[in-house]
């Protein structure tokens, strides 16, 4: 039986930082995540994508940030149960017990839900054969961009992810990138939109606006062709080694939705005035999975939430103790033996 102070559901950046903050308070943590490696979206969706809004890092790759967070948490010896989904919990006296889909039982004095967007599923276009070619020319996220640099790339979408990857590949790929968007205007950052039109003028990117992919084809179970149609019915066929339909992710809470938590639009409502506690005493929700007035889904905001949640957890675990705030510049970082 695994026993700890804080059970953390979710091994993304916010969950990992919570381990560090808990360690400073001499609280031990164990993390459970359905994904087989730590990092959450940063590892699974865009490990090679740069992040620009982490304090102290003008630019850092998503995967590198996870490496640093793991290194930062290491002195506090967190436990990991990876590749298993937290399915249910029950209260045994003052202890929470989580059971995973594999039957593993984990016990903790409090629970942190740091599951990012929960169970993430890509928005898939309704096109014949799309399941046949998934991972055989059709990918719903870019994990290792360097493997595509000598390939013919097509991207569908109008948000930041589609624009960012279109710009990235247009600068590095051997062939011009095809960007297909169903509207004439983009939802992404204005600077990115300006760059898209600039790359189009330079001949590094082909733009298909007011257009959608309506059919796909391939040979030997591998994609090699997509067909595009605009609003006027004009059609064209594009030779394509890899097509990325980047229409975002559909967040689903999964089993967490049955825990009795106060849910609003697939997110967990929390008390942001204090410590990001939920309606169930002893359960906190931090990061993208929570919601409150003024919520911003940013990693750095999740770090702040994790810090306050740890202090809330300490008050529950040690109700008769008063923990004074000590700066790491004074006390340093002392790990667990």
Protein backbone atom coordinates (compact mmCIF):
# COMPACT_ATOMS: atom_id res chain seq x y z
CA UNK A 1 0.00 0.00 0.00
CA UNK A 2 1.39 3.38 -1.02
CA UNK A 3 1.00 6.00 1.73
CA UNK A 4 1.97 9.67 1.61
CA UNK A 5 0.96 13.16 2.72
CA UNK A 6 -0.30 14.52 -0.61
CA UNK A 7 -1.66 12.41 -3.46
CA UNK A 8 -1.28 14.37 -6.70
CA UNK A 9 -3.42 13.40 -9.67
CA UNK A 10 -1.53 14.66 -12.71
CA UNK A 11 2.19 14.72 -13.51
CA UNK A 12 2.17 17.94 -15.53
CA UNK A 13 4.22 21.04 -14.68
CA UNK A 14 1.85 22.23 -11.96
CA UNK A 15 1.73 18.84 -10.26
CA UNK A 16 5.52 18.58 -10.37
CA UNK A 17 6.01 22.05 -8.91
CA UNK A 18 3.58 21.16 -6.13
CA UNK A 19 6.03 18.40 -5.11
CA UNK A 20 8.77 21.00 -4.64
CA UNK A 21 6.58 23.40 -2.67
CA UNK A 22 5.30 20.54 -0.52
CA UNK A 23 8.86 19.42 0.13
CA UNK A 24 9.74 22.84 1.49
CA UNK A 25 6.92 22.31 4.00
CA UNK A 26 8.27 18.81 4.78
CA UNK A 27 5.26 17.15 3.14
CA UNK A 28 5.77 14.04 1.00
CA UNK A 29 4.01 13.49 -2.32
CA UNK A 30 3.02 10.66 -4.62
CA UNK A 31 1.89 11.36 -8.20
CA UNK A 32 -0.49 9.25 -10.28
CA UNK A 33 -1.01 9.88 -14.00
CA UNK A 34 -2.59 7.92 -16.83
CA UNK A 35 0.30 8.91 -19.12
CA UNK A 36 3.39 6.72 -18.96
CA UNK A 37 5.88 9.56 -18.42
CA UNK A 38 5.84 12.82 -16.41
CA UNK A 39 5.13 16.13 -18.11
CA UNK A 40 1.48 16.17 -19.09
CA UNK A 41 0.67 18.18 -22.22
CA UNK A 42 4.22 19.53 -22.38
CA UNK A 43 5.64 16.04 -22.86
CA UNK A 44 2.82 14.49 -24.85
CA UNK A 45 1.89 17.34 -27.20
CA UNK A 46 4.78 19.75 -27.67
CA UNK A 47 8.07 18.79 -25.96
CA UNK A 48 10.12 20.65 -28.60
CA UNK A 49 7.98 23.79 -28.59
CA UNK A 50 9.45 26.91 -26.94
CA UNK A 51 7.67 28.61 -24.03
CA UNK A 52 8.30 32.31 -23.46
CA UNK A 53 6.37 33.24 -20.31
CA UNK A 54 8.13 31.30 -17.57
CA UNK A 55 9.78 33.76 -15.15
CA UNK A 56 13.55 33.78 -15.45
CA UNK A 57 13.52 31.99 -18.82
CA UNK A 58 13.26 34.26 -21.88
CA UNK A 59 12.79 31.02 -23.82
CA UNK A 60 12.68 27.37 -22.78
CA UNK A 61 11.59 24.22 -24.58
CA UNK A 62 8.56 22.55 -23.01
CA UNK A 63 10.44 19.29 -22.55
CA UNK A 64 13.36 21.09 -20.92
CA UNK A 65 11.02 22.79 -18.47
CA UNK A 66 9.72 19.38 -17.40
CA UNK A 67 13.30 18.13 -17.00
CA UNK A 68 14.05 21.11 -14.76
CA UNK A 69 10.91 20.61 -12.68
CA UNK A 70 11.77 16.95 -12.16
CA UNK A 71 15.29 17.94 -11.12
CA UNK A 72 13.87 20.56 -8.74
CA UNK A 73 11.50 18.01 -7.17
CA UNK A 74 14.06 15.19 -6.95
CA UNK A 75 15.45 16.05 -3.46
CA UNK A 76 11.98 15.43 -2.05
CA UNK A 77 11.78 11.91 -3.48
CA UNK A 78 8.27 11.89 -4.94
CA UNK A 79 6.69 8.56 -5.78
CA UNK A 80 5.15 7.91 -9.19
CA UNK A 81 2.37 5.62 -10.36
CA UNK A 82 2.38 6.20 -14.12
CA UNK A 83 0.28 4.65 -16.85
CA UNK A 84 -2.67 4.32 -14.47
CA UNK A 85 -5.82 6.45 -14.21
CA UNK A 86 -7.16 7.66 -10.86
CA UNK A 87 -10.66 6.19 -11.05
CA UNK A 88 -12.25 6.58 -7.62
CA UNK A 89 -11.61 7.66 -4.05
CA UNK A 90 -13.05 7.00 -0.63
CA UNK A 91 -12.46 8.42 2.81
CA UNK A 92 -11.18 6.08 5.52
CA UNK A 93 -11.26 8.10 8.71
CA UNK A 94 -9.04 11.10 8.00
CA UNK A 95 -7.30 9.38 5.07
CA UNK A 96 -8.16 9.50 1.37
CA UNK A 97 -7.74 6.31 -0.65
CA UNK A 98 -7.54 6.48 -4.45
CA UNK A 99 -8.02 3.35 -6.57
CA UNK A 100 -6.66 3.32 -10.12
CA UNK A 101 -8.04 1.54 -13.16
CA UNK A 102 -5.37 -1.12 -12.57
CA UNK A 103 -6.53 -1.71 -9.00
CA UNK A 104 -3.60 0.06 -7.35
CA UNK A 105 -4.55 1.67 -4.04
CA UNK A 106 -2.90 4.89 -2.88
CA UNK A 107 -3.47 6.61 0.47
CA UNK A 108 -2.88 10.25 1.34
CA UNK A 109 -3.94 12.85 3.86
CA UNK A 110 -5.05 15.25 1.12
CA UNK A 111 -5.52 15.10 -2.65
CA UNK A 112 -4.33 17.59 -5.27
CA UNK A 113 -6.04 17.32 -8.64
CA UNK A 114 -3.58 18.76 -11.15
CA UNK A 115 -4.79 16.91 -14.22
CA UNK A 116 -4.45 19.77 -16.70
CA UNK A 117 -7.38 19.50 -19.09
CA UNK A 118 -8.32 16.14 -17.65
CA UNK A 119 -8.65 13.43 -20.28
CA UNK A 120 -7.59 15.05 -23.56
CA UNK A 121 -9.03 14.02 -26.89
CA UNK A 122 -8.24 15.77 -30.18
CA UNK A 123 -11.06 17.26 -32.20
CA UNK A 124 -11.13 14.99 -35.23
CA UNK A 125 -12.65 16.10 -38.53
CA UNK A 126 -15.43 13.86 -39.78
CA UNK A 127 -13.75 12.49 -42.89
CA UNK A 128 -13.79 8.97 -44.29
CA UNK A 129 -10.63 6.92 -43.65
CA UNK A 130 -9.31 9.28 -40.96
CA UNK A 131 -8.99 6.46 -38.43
CA UNK A 132 -7.27 4.27 -41.00
CA UNK A 133 -4.47 6.79 -41.51
CA UNK A 134 -4.12 7.98 -37.92
CA UNK A 135 -0.42 7.78 -37.02
CA UNK A 136 0.20 6.69 -40.61
CA UNK A 137 0.33 10.18 -42.05
CA UNK A 138 -2.30 11.85 -39.88
CA UNK A 139 -1.19 13.18 -36.50
CA UNK A 140 -3.20 15.35 -34.14
CA UNK A 141 -0.16 16.87 -32.45
CA UNK A 142 3.51 17.44 -33.22
CA UNK A 143 5.78 15.58 -30.84
CA UNK A 144 9.16 15.41 -32.61
CA UNK A 145 9.24 18.11 -35.33
CA UNK A 146 12.70 17.23 -36.65
CA UNK A 147 11.37 13.97 -38.12
CA UNK A 148 9.20 15.91 -40.60
CA UNK A 149 11.70 18.38 -42.05
CA UNK A 150 12.17 16.51 -45.35
CA UNK A 151 8.46 15.71 -45.74
CA UNK A 152 5.49 17.38 -47.44
CA UNK A 153 3.46 18.89 -44.61
CA UNK A 154 -0.16 20.07 -44.57
CA UNK A 155 -1.77 21.70 -41.54
CA UNK A 156 -5.43 22.48 -40.88
CA UNK A 157 -6.54 25.01 -38.28
CA UNK A 158 -6.68 28.69 -37.46
CA UNK A 159 -5.61 28.87 -33.81
CA UNK A 160 -2.24 29.46 -32.21
CA UNK A 161 -1.08 25.85 -32.42
CA UNK A 162 -1.77 25.59 -36.16
CA UNK A 163 -0.12 28.96 -36.84
CA UNK A 164 2.92 28.25 -34.66
CA UNK A 165 3.65 24.94 -36.34
CA UNK A 166 2.97 26.33 -39.81
CA UNK A 167 5.54 29.04 -39.14
CA UNK A 168 8.03 26.57 -37.66
CA UNK A 169 7.83 24.11 -40.55
CA UNK A 170 7.79 26.84 -43.20
CA UNK A 171 11.16 28.04 -41.95
CA UNK A 172 12.74 24.60 -41.70
CA UNK A 173 11.06 22.18 -44.10
CA UNK A 174 12.41 21.20 -47.50
CA UNK A 175 9.00 21.83 -49.13
CA UNK A 176 6.51 24.70 -48.76
CA UNK A 177 3.92 24.00 -46.07
CA UNK A 178 0.20 23.91 -46.87
CA UNK A 179 -2.02 25.72 -44.34
CA UNK A 180 -5.76 25.11 -44.73
CA UNK A 181 -8.30 27.16 -42.77
CA UNK A 182 -12.06 27.19 -43.10
CA UNK A 183 -12.31 30.97 -42.59
CA UNK A 184 -10.68 34.06 -44.07
CA UNK A 185 -9.52 35.23 -40.65
CA UNK A 186 -7.43 33.52 -37.98
CA UNK A 187 -8.05 33.20 -34.23
CA UNK A 188 -4.37 33.18 -33.34
CA UNK A 189 -1.94 35.85 -32.20
CA UNK A 190 -1.75 38.85 -34.55
CA UNK A 191 2.04 38.65 -34.85
CA UNK A 192 1.72 35.02 -35.91
CA UNK A 193 -0.98 35.89 -38.45
CA UNK A 194 1.24 38.61 -39.95
CA UNK A 195 4.10 36.11 -40.18
CA UNK A 196 1.85 33.59 -41.97
CA UNK A 197 1.02 36.09 -44.71
CA UNK A 198 4.68 37.09 -44.95
CA UNK A 199 5.76 33.46 -45.43
CA UNK A 200 3.03 33.06 -48.03
CA UNK A 201 4.44 35.99 -50.02
CA UNK A 202 7.92 34.47 -49.78
CA UNK A 203 6.62 31.21 -51.26
CA UNK A 204 7.45 29.20 -48.16
CA UNK A 205 3.81 28.57 -47.27
CA UNK A 206 0.72 27.88 -49.38
CA UNK A 207 -2.49 29.35 -47.96
CA UNK A 208 -5.91 27.81 -48.55
CA UNK A 209 -8.48 30.07 -46.87
CA UNK A 210 -12.22 29.55 -46.73
CA UNK A 211 -11.32 25.92 -47.39
CA UNK A 212 -11.49 22.50 -45.76
CA UNK A 213 -10.05 19.06 -46.35
CA UNK A 214 -12.95 16.90 -47.54
CA UNK A 215 -11.22 13.63 -48.46
CA UNK A 216 -7.94 11.78 -47.99
CA UNK A 217 -6.20 8.90 -49.71
CA UNK A 218 -3.05 6.84 -49.54
CA UNK A 219 -1.16 3.72 -50.52
CA UNK A 220 -0.08 0.75 -48.40
CA UNK A 221 -2.03 2.15 -45.44
CA UNK A 222 0.01 5.38 -45.54
CA UNK A 223 -1.38 8.83 -46.35
CA UNK A 224 -0.12 10.52 -49.50
CA UNK A 225 -2.94 12.80 -50.67
CA UNK A 226 -5.49 15.23 -49.25
CA UNK A 227 -8.26 16.96 -51.21
CA UNK A 228 -9.28 20.53 -50.38
CA UNK A 229 -12.48 22.35 -51.31
CA UNK A 230 -13.24 26.07 -50.88
CA UNK A 231 -16.64 27.68 -50.26
CA UNK A 232 -17.17 28.18 -54.00
CA UNK A 233 -16.78 24.47 -54.67
CA UNK A 234 -13.32 24.69 -56.23
CA UNK A 235 -11.21 21.67 -55.42
CA UNK A 236 -7.50 20.87 -55.42
CA UNK A 237 -5.43 17.84 -54.51
CA UNK A 238 -2.31 18.21 -52.40
CA UNK A 239 0.50 15.66 -52.21
CA UNK A 240 1.00 15.22 -48.48
CA UNK A 241 3.21 12.98 -46.39
CA UNK A 242 1.80 14.25 -43.09
CA UNK A 243 -1.43 16.07 -42.35
CA UNK A 244 -1.91 17.74 -38.97
CA UNK A 245 -5.56 18.64 -38.22
CA UNK A 246 -4.89 21.01 -35.31
CA UNK A 247 -8.38 21.88 -34.13
CA UNK A 248 -7.60 21.76 -30.44
CA UNK A 249 -8.46 19.31 -27.72
CA UNK A 250 -11.77 18.32 -26.18
CA UNK A 251 -11.32 18.32 -22.38
CA UNK A 252 -13.06 15.57 -20.46
CA UNK A 253 -12.86 15.08 -16.72
CA UNK A 254 -13.35 11.33 -17.06
CA UNK A 255 -13.85 9.51 -13.73
CA UNK A 256 -13.08 12.73 -11.82
CA UNK A 257 -16.50 13.93 -12.90
CA UNK A 258 -18.03 11.29 -10.62
CA UNK A 259 -16.15 12.28 -7.46
CA UNK A 260 -18.85 14.63 -6.18
CA UNK A 261 -16.84 17.74 -6.98
CA UNK A 262 -18.49 21.04 -7.93
CA UNK A 263 -18.10 21.09 -11.73
CA UNK A 264 -18.61 23.98 -14.13
CA UNK A 265 -18.03 23.53 -17.88
CA UNK A 266 -15.71 20.53 -17.48
CA UNK A 267 -13.63 22.29 -14.83
CA UNK A 268 -13.54 22.02 -11.03
CA UNK A 269 -14.71 25.05 -9.07
CA UNK A 270 -12.30 26.15 -6.33
CA UNK A 271 -11.94 28.77 -3.60
CA UNK A 272 -9.35 31.04 -5.19
CA UNK A 273 -9.59 33.56 -2.35
CA UNK A 274 -7.71 31.16 -0.07
CA UNK A 275 -6.06 27.93 -1.16
CA UNK A 276 -7.80 26.49 -4.27
CA UNK A 277 -9.72 23.98 -2.19
CA UNK A 278 -12.77 22.30 -3.69
CA UNK A 279 -16.18 21.68 -2.13
CA UNK A 280 -14.75 18.49 -0.59
CA UNK A 281 -12.49 19.26 2.37
CA UNK A 282 -9.02 17.89 1.77
CA UNK A 283 -9.25 17.93 -2.03
CA UNK A 284 -7.63 20.79 -3.93
CA UNK A 285 -7.62 21.50 -7.68
CA UNK A 286 -4.76 23.39 -9.30
CA UNK A 287 -3.76 24.29 -12.84
CA UNK A 288 -5.88 24.15 -15.99
CA UNK A 289 -8.38 21.73 -14.47
CA UNK A 290 -9.83 24.30 -12.05
CA UNK A 291 -12.04 27.32 -12.62
CA UNK A 292 -12.85 30.55 -10.80
CA UNK A 293 -13.63 34.15 -11.70
CA UNK A 294 -10.67 35.65 -13.54
CA UNK A 295 -9.03 32.26 -14.19
CA UNK A 296 -6.06 32.33 -16.58
CA UNK A 297 -4.85 29.01 -17.97
CA UNK A 298 -1.15 29.75 -17.73
CA UNK A 299 1.62 27.57 -16.31
CA UNK A 300 2.93 30.37 -14.10
CA UNK A 301 -0.57 30.87 -12.63
CA UNK A 302 -0.67 27.15 -11.90
CA UNK A 303 2.62 27.46 -9.99
CA UNK A 304 1.04 30.16 -7.80
CA UNK A 305 -2.02 27.97 -7.20
CA UNK A 306 0.17 25.02 -6.25
CA UNK A 307 2.03 27.10 -3.67
CA UNK A 308 -1.13 28.29 -1.91
CA UNK A 309 -2.69 24.82 -2.10
CA UNK A 310 0.33 23.34 -0.30
CA UNK A 311 -0.12 25.81 2.53
CA UNK A 312 -3.81 24.87 2.66
CA UNK A 313 -2.86 21.20 2.79
CA UNK A 314 -0.43 21.84 5.65
CA UNK A 315 -3.19 23.46 7.69
CA UNK A 316 -5.36 20.35 7.24
CA UNK A 317 -2.58 17.85 7.98
CA UNK A 318 -1.23 19.82 10.96
CA UNK A 319 -4.19 21.86 12.26
CA UNK A 320 -2.46 22.62 15.57
CA UNK A 321 0.81 23.80 14.05
CA UNK A 322 1.56 27.23 12.65
CA UNK A 323 4.06 27.11 9.81
CA UNK A 324 5.97 30.34 9.31
CA UNK A 325 7.03 31.28 5.80
CA UNK A 326 10.77 30.92 5.32
CA UNK A 327 12.57 32.05 2.19
CA UNK A 328 14.72 29.53 0.36
CA UNK A 329 17.51 32.14 0.24
CA UNK A 330 17.68 31.74 4.02
CA UNK A 331 16.75 28.11 4.73
CA UNK A 332 18.02 26.60 1.48
CA UNK A 333 16.56 23.37 0.12
CA UNK A 334 16.91 20.33 2.35
CA UNK A 335 15.66 17.14 0.75
CA UNK A 336 14.37 13.98 2.36
CA UNK A 337 16.83 11.28 3.44
